[in-house]
Amino acid sequence: MSDHRAAVRHHTLRTGLVEFDNGSGSIVSVPCTIRDVSATGARLQLNSSAWVAEQFSLTFGSGLRKDCRLAWRKERLIGGAFADGYASADEQAAMMTADEQSRHRLGIGARVKAARELRGYTEGQLAERLSVTPAFVASAEQGEGDIPLYQLMHIADLLMVGLDGLVAGPVPEEVDGV
């Protein structure tokens, strides 16, 4: 499976705009629904059956504009891969609503808690090893705050898990339905 297809997708139903040159120098704008996004691309549902060029720009409601290449097409659904590779953390945040970001934080916190418990650490022990307060660990595990990347890397090392698993692995069952 390619990196683009393996990237964790975040479900969203927001409007966007697909724009491309129709080959004669005119820009065509096609409204779409952004069904899900990942760090590498987006799955879009076109609001019409318009032809879409191999290279296009996707504009999110937040104003973020990403150049894409057509990865696949099935009727009105298309997959767009970001032309510049991975979206930055700031771009990914702009692609998700506040509710989606909250669910993502909750998932990360649940995975950190599960890994901590699997290794037999208490919140206090993990906090001591990270040089943070136990309240920070509790807050992070409850999805109430962002964990800086350098802290996530340190947590992954301490708990002997992959960073990818903490950020985008399966969500423990007790929070999966959230």
C-alpha atoms as a PDB file:
ATOM      1  CA  MET A   1       0.000   0.000   0.000  1.00  0.00           C
ATOM      2  CA  SER A   2       1.422   3.404  -0.898  1.00  0.00           C
ATOM      3  CA  ASP A   3       2.115   6.068   1.734  1.00  0.00           C
ATOM      4  CA  HIS A   4      -0.768   8.075   0.304  1.00  0.00           C
ATOM      5  CA  ARG A   5      -3.260   5.243   0.732  1.00  0.00           C
ATOM      6  CA  ALA A   6      -1.837   4.228   4.143  1.00  0.00           C
ATOM      7  CA  ALA A   7      -2.160   7.707   5.679  1.00  0.00           C
ATOM      8  CA  VAL A   8      -4.794   7.943   8.386  1.00  0.00           C
ATOM      9  CA  ARG A   9      -7.921   9.655   7.116  1.00  0.00           C
ATOM     10  CA  HIS A  10     -10.009  12.033   9.161  1.00  0.00           C
ATOM     11  CA  HIS A  11     -13.691  11.970   8.230  1.00  0.00           C
ATOM     12  CA  THR A  12     -15.188  15.351   7.459  1.00  0.00           C
ATOM     13  CA  LEU A  13     -18.104  16.617   5.435  1.00  0.00           C
ATOM     14  CA  ARG A  14     -17.196  20.150   4.440  1.00  0.00           C
ATOM     15  CA  THR A  15     -17.486  22.108   1.269  1.00  0.00           C
ATOM     16  CA  GLY A  16     -14.538  22.951  -0.902  1.00  0.00           C
ATOM     17  CA  LEU A  17     -13.681  24.031  -4.395  1.00  0.00           C
ATOM     18  CA  VAL A  18     -11.741  22.142  -7.080  1.00  0.00           C
ATOM     19  CA  GLU A  19     -10.103  24.458  -9.635  1.00  0.00           C
ATOM     20  CA  PHE A  20      -8.145  23.560 -12.753  1.00  0.00           C
ATOM     21  CA  ASP A  21      -7.173  24.799 -16.191  1.00  0.00           C
ATOM     22  CA  ASN A  22      -9.498  23.282 -18.791  1.00  0.00           C
ATOM     23  CA  GLY A  23      -6.714  23.176 -21.374  1.00  0.00           C
ATOM     24  CA  SER A  24      -7.670  26.381 -23.147  1.00  0.00           C
ATOM     25  CA  GLY A  25      -6.374  28.753 -20.487  1.00  0.00           C
ATOM     26  CA  SER A  26      -9.691  29.097 -18.643  1.00  0.00           C
ATOM     27  CA  ILE A  27      -9.979  28.176 -14.987  1.00  0.00           C
ATOM     28  CA  VAL A  28     -12.877  25.872 -14.132  1.00  0.00           C
ATOM     29  CA  SER A  29     -14.240  25.880 -10.575  1.00  0.00           C
ATOM     30  CA  VAL A  30     -16.226  22.860  -9.388  1.00  0.00           C
ATOM     31  CA  PRO A  31     -17.841  22.817  -5.923  1.00  0.00           C
ATOM     32  CA  CYS A  32     -17.201  19.659  -3.950  1.00  0.00           C
ATOM     33  CA  THR A  33     -17.760  17.996  -0.603  1.00  0.00           C
ATOM     34  CA  ILE A  34     -14.539  17.072   1.186  1.00  0.00           C
ATOM     35  CA  ARG A  35     -15.383  13.630   2.579  1.00  0.00           C
ATOM     36  CA  ASP A  36     -12.126  12.962   4.377  1.00  0.00           C
ATOM     37  CA  VAL A  37      -8.584  14.284   4.581  1.00  0.00           C
ATOM     38  CA  SER A  38      -5.210  12.909   5.560  1.00  0.00           C
ATOM     39  CA  ALA A  39      -1.696  14.303   5.655  1.00  0.00           C
ATOM     40  CA  THR A  40      -1.234  13.193   2.043  1.00  0.00           C
ATOM     41  CA  GLY A  41      -4.507  13.990   0.292  1.00  0.00           C
ATOM     42  CA  ALA A  42      -8.282  14.155   0.312  1.00  0.00           C
ATOM     43  CA  ARG A  43     -11.284  12.200  -0.921  1.00  0.00           C
ATOM     44  CA  LEU A  44     -13.751  14.491  -2.640  1.00  0.00           C
ATOM     45  CA  GLN A  45     -17.293  14.156  -3.905  1.00  0.00           C
ATOM     46  CA  LEU A  46     -17.937  16.445  -6.836  1.00  0.00           C
ATOM     47  CA  ASN A  47     -21.238  18.280  -6.903  1.00  0.00           C
ATOM     48  CA  SER A  48     -21.420  17.680 -10.657  1.00  0.00           C
ATOM     49  CA  SER A  49     -20.124  15.074 -13.069  1.00  0.00           C
ATOM     50  CA  ALA A  50     -17.576  17.508 -14.494  1.00  0.00           C
ATOM     51  CA  TRP A  51     -14.317  16.278 -15.928  1.00  0.00           C
ATOM     52  CA  VAL A  52     -11.357  17.072 -13.645  1.00  0.00           C
ATOM     53  CA  ALA A  53      -7.811  17.635 -14.884  1.00  0.00           C
ATOM     54  CA  GLU A  54      -4.882  15.520 -13.686  1.00  0.00           C
ATOM     55  CA  GLN A  55      -3.551  18.573 -11.796  1.00  0.00           C
ATOM     56  CA  PHE A  56      -5.937  20.731  -9.765  1.00  0.00           C
ATOM     57  CA  SER A  57      -6.120  22.964  -6.706  1.00  0.00           C
ATOM     58  CA  LEU A  58      -8.326  22.199  -3.740  1.00  0.00           C
ATOM     59  CA  THR A  59      -9.509  25.160  -1.675  1.00  0.00           C
ATOM     60  CA  PHE A  60     -10.826  24.430   1.815  1.00  0.00           C
ATOM     61  CA  GLY A  61     -13.464  26.593   3.513  1.00  0.00           C
ATOM     62  CA  SER A  62     -10.715  27.969   5.779  1.00  0.00           C
ATOM     63  CA  GLY A  63      -9.021  29.449   2.709  1.00  0.00           C
ATOM     64  CA  LEU A  64      -6.221  26.865   2.668  1.00  0.00           C
ATOM     65  CA  ARG A  65      -5.308  26.011  -0.912  1.00  0.00           C
ATOM     66  CA  LYS A  66      -3.470  22.774  -1.787  1.00  0.00           C
ATOM     67  CA  ASP A  67      -2.215  21.785  -5.222  1.00  0.00           C
ATOM     68  CA  CYS A  68      -3.198  18.184  -5.963  1.00  0.00           C
ATOM     69  CA  ARG A  69      -2.831  15.484  -8.557  1.00  0.00           C
ATOM     70  CA  LEU A  70      -5.689  13.168  -9.428  1.00  0.00           C
ATOM     71  CA  ALA A  71      -4.961   9.833  -7.732  1.00  0.00           C
ATOM     72  CA  TRP A  72      -8.161   7.988  -8.705  1.00  0.00           C
ATOM     73  CA  ARG A  73     -11.707   8.584  -9.838  1.00  0.00           C
ATOM     74  CA  LYS A  74     -14.932   6.627  -9.444  1.00  0.00           C
ATOM     75  CA  GLU A  75     -17.930   8.471 -10.862  1.00  0.00           C
ATOM     76  CA  ARG A  76     -18.309  11.653  -8.767  1.00  0.00           C
ATOM     77  CA  LEU A  77     -15.777  10.558  -6.127  1.00  0.00           C
ATOM     78  CA  ILE A  78     -12.146  11.487  -6.677  1.00  0.00           C
ATOM     79  CA  GLY A  79      -8.980  11.037  -4.694  1.00  0.00           C
ATOM     80  CA  GLY A  80      -6.530  13.903  -4.711  1.00  0.00           C
ATOM     81  CA  ALA A  81      -2.914  13.472  -3.597  1.00  0.00           C
ATOM     82  CA  PHE A  82      -1.197  16.618  -2.353  1.00  0.00           C
ATOM     83  CA  ALA A  83       1.400  17.598  -4.951  1.00  0.00           C
ATOM     84  CA  ASP A  84       3.909  18.751  -2.331  1.00  0.00           C
ATOM     85  CA  GLY A  85       3.705  15.494  -0.356  1.00  0.00           C
ATOM     86  CA  TYR A  86       2.664  15.781   3.267  1.00  0.00           C
ATOM     87  CA  ALA A  87       0.574  18.626   4.644  1.00  0.00           C
ATOM     88  CA  SER A  88       2.181  20.452   7.558  1.00  0.00           C
ATOM     89  CA  ALA A  89       0.662  20.263  11.041  1.00  0.00           C
ATOM     90  CA  ASP A  90      -0.762  23.775  10.597  1.00  0.00           C
ATOM     91  CA  GLU A  91      -2.296  22.827   7.236  1.00  0.00           C
ATOM     92  CA  GLN A  92      -3.807  19.665   8.703  1.00  0.00           C
ATOM     93  CA  ALA A  93      -5.325  21.703  11.533  1.00  0.00           C
ATOM     94  CA  ALA A  94      -6.875  24.050   8.965  1.00  0.00           C
ATOM     95  CA  MET A  95      -8.355  21.046   7.156  1.00  0.00           C
ATOM     96  CA  MET A  96     -10.276  19.822  10.208  1.00  0.00           C
ATOM     97  CA  THR A  97     -13.062  21.421  12.202  1.00  0.00           C
ATOM     98  CA  ALA A  98     -12.628  22.076  15.924  1.00  0.00           C
ATOM     99  CA  ASP A  99     -14.761  18.986  16.652  1.00  0.00           C
ATOM    100  CA  GLU A 100     -12.588  16.823  14.401  1.00  0.00           C
ATOM    101  CA  GLN A 101      -9.444  18.164  16.075  1.00  0.00           C
ATOM    102  CA  SER A 102     -10.968  17.392  19.475  1.00  0.00           C
ATOM    103  CA  ARG A 103     -11.698  13.776  18.447  1.00  0.00           C
ATOM    104  CA  HIS A 104      -8.137  13.464  17.121  1.00  0.00           C
ATOM    105  CA  ARG A 105      -6.689  14.729  20.444  1.00  0.00           C
ATOM    106  CA  LEU A 106      -8.959  12.315  22.319  1.00  0.00           C
ATOM    107  CA  GLY A 107      -7.676   9.421  20.201  1.00  0.00           C
ATOM    108  CA  ILE A 108      -4.039  10.365  20.802  1.00  0.00           C
ATOM    109  CA  GLY A 109      -4.691  10.683  24.538  1.00  0.00           C
ATOM    110  CA  ALA A 110      -6.404   7.280  24.663  1.00  0.00           C
ATOM    111  CA  ARG A 111      -3.492   5.649  22.811  1.00  0.00           C
ATOM    112  CA  VAL A 112      -0.966   7.294  25.168  1.00  0.00           C
ATOM    113  CA  LYS A 113      -2.949   6.073  28.195  1.00  0.00           C
ATOM    114  CA  ALA A 114      -3.234   2.534  26.806  1.00  0.00           C
ATOM    115  CA  ALA A 115       0.516   2.404  26.072  1.00  0.00           C
ATOM    116  CA  ARG A 116       1.333   3.823  29.520  1.00  0.00           C
ATOM    117  CA  GLU A 117      -0.851   1.258  31.253  1.00  0.00           C
ATOM    118  CA  LEU A 118       0.582  -1.557  29.112  1.00  0.00           C
ATOM    119  CA  ARG A 119       4.092  -0.598  30.286  1.00  0.00           C
ATOM    120  CA  GLY A 120       2.897  -0.428  33.917  1.00  0.00           C
ATOM    121  CA  TYR A 121       3.521   3.281  34.490  1.00  0.00           C
ATOM    122  CA  THR A 122       1.290   5.517  36.590  1.00  0.00           C
ATOM    123  CA  GLU A 123       0.496   9.035  35.380  1.00  0.00           C
ATOM    124  CA  GLY A 124       2.910  10.340  38.008  1.00  0.00           C
ATOM    125  CA  GLN A 125       5.751   8.062  36.891  1.00  0.00           C
ATOM    126  CA  LEU A 126       5.314   9.052  33.251  1.00  0.00           C
ATOM    127  CA  ALA A 127       5.123  12.728  34.222  1.00  0.00           C
ATOM    128  CA  GLU A 128       8.361  12.429  36.204  1.00  0.00           C
ATOM    129  CA  ARG A 129      10.191  10.832  33.275  1.00  0.00           C
ATOM    130  CA  LEU A 130       8.864  13.549  30.925  1.00  0.00           C
ATOM    131  CA  SER A 131       9.674  16.358  33.393  1.00  0.00           C
ATOM    132  CA  VAL A 132       6.058  17.544  33.357  1.00  0.00           C
ATOM    133  CA  THR A 133       3.300  17.601  35.957  1.00  0.00           C
ATOM    134  CA  PRO A 134       0.916  14.676  36.464  1.00  0.00           C
ATOM    135  CA  ALA A 135      -1.876  17.142  35.587  1.00  0.00           C
ATOM    136  CA  PHE A 136      -0.315  17.597  32.125  1.00  0.00           C
ATOM    137  CA  VAL A 137      -0.327  13.823  31.572  1.00  0.00           C
ATOM    138  CA  ALA A 138      -3.919  13.511  32.812  1.00  0.00           C
ATOM    139  CA  SER A 139      -5.061  16.389  30.612  1.00  0.00           C
ATOM    140  CA  ALA A 140      -3.268  14.980  27.557  1.00  0.00           C
ATOM    141  CA  GLU A 141      -4.714  11.495  28.104  1.00  0.00           C
ATOM    142  CA  GLN A 142      -8.213  12.955  28.327  1.00  0.00           C
ATOM    143  CA  GLY A 143      -7.718  14.787  25.018  1.00  0.00           C
ATOM    144  CA  GLU A 144      -8.061  18.174  26.677  1.00  0.00           C
ATOM    145  CA  GLY A 145      -4.836  19.623  25.317  1.00  0.00           C
ATOM    146  CA  ASP A 146      -2.361  19.250  22.509  1.00  0.00           C
ATOM    147  CA  ILE A 147       0.787  17.277  23.207  1.00  0.00           C
ATOM    148  CA  PRO A 148       3.781  18.940  21.517  1.00  0.00           C
ATOM    149  CA  LEU A 149       5.532  16.740  18.944  1.00  0.00           C
ATOM    150  CA  TYR A 150       8.783  16.634  20.930  1.00  0.00           C
ATOM    151  CA  GLN A 151       6.783  15.335  23.939  1.00  0.00           C
ATOM    152  CA  LEU A 152       5.011  12.719  21.791  1.00  0.00           C
ATOM    153  CA  MET A 153       8.399  11.549  20.512  1.00  0.00           C
ATOM    154  CA  HIS A 154       9.681  11.299  24.089  1.00  0.00           C
ATOM    155  CA  ILE A 155       6.527   9.443  25.190  1.00  0.00           C
ATOM    156  CA  ALA A 156       6.887   6.987  22.280  1.00  0.00           C
ATOM    157  CA  ASP A 157      10.512   6.317  23.269  1.00  0.00           C
ATOM    158  CA  LEU A 158       9.698   5.879  26.968  1.00  0.00           C
ATOM    159  CA  LEU A 159       6.764   3.570  26.306  1.00  0.00           C
ATOM    160  CA  MET A 160       8.599   1.726  23.520  1.00  0.00           C
ATOM    161  CA  VAL A 161       5.901   2.287  20.908  1.00  0.00           C
ATOM    162  CA  GLY A 162       6.024   3.828  17.472  1.00  0.00           C
ATOM    163  CA  LEU A 163       5.189   7.499  17.114  1.00  0.00           C
ATOM    164  CA  ASP A 164       2.851   6.579  14.248  1.00  0.00           C
ATOM    165  CA  GLY A 165       0.969   4.259  16.573  1.00  0.00           C
ATOM    166  CA  LEU A 166       0.438   7.018  19.142  1.00  0.00           C
ATOM    167  CA  VAL A 167      -0.697   9.584  16.602  1.00  0.00           C
ATOM    168  CA  ALA A 168      -2.654   7.464  14.165  1.00  0.00           C
ATOM    169  CA  GLY A 169      -2.989   3.915  15.435  1.00  0.00           C
ATOM    170  CA  PRO A 170      -6.206   2.144  16.289  1.00  0.00           C
ATOM    171  CA  VAL A 171      -8.225   3.889  18.973  1.00  0.00           C
ATOM    172  CA  PRO A 172      -8.854   1.806  22.114  1.00  0.00           C
ATOM    173  CA  GLU A 173     -12.419   0.445  22.181  1.00  0.00           C
ATOM    174  CA  GLU A 174     -13.667   2.619  25.040  1.00  0.00           C
ATOM    175  CA  VAL A 175     -13.275   5.822  22.968  1.00  0.00           C
ATOM    176  CA  ASP A 176     -13.731   4.379  19.464  1.00  0.00           C
ATOM    177  CA  GLY A 177     -17.414   5.347  19.287  1.00  0.00           C
ATOM    178  CA  VAL A 178     -16.771   8.997  20.202  1.00  0.00           C
END
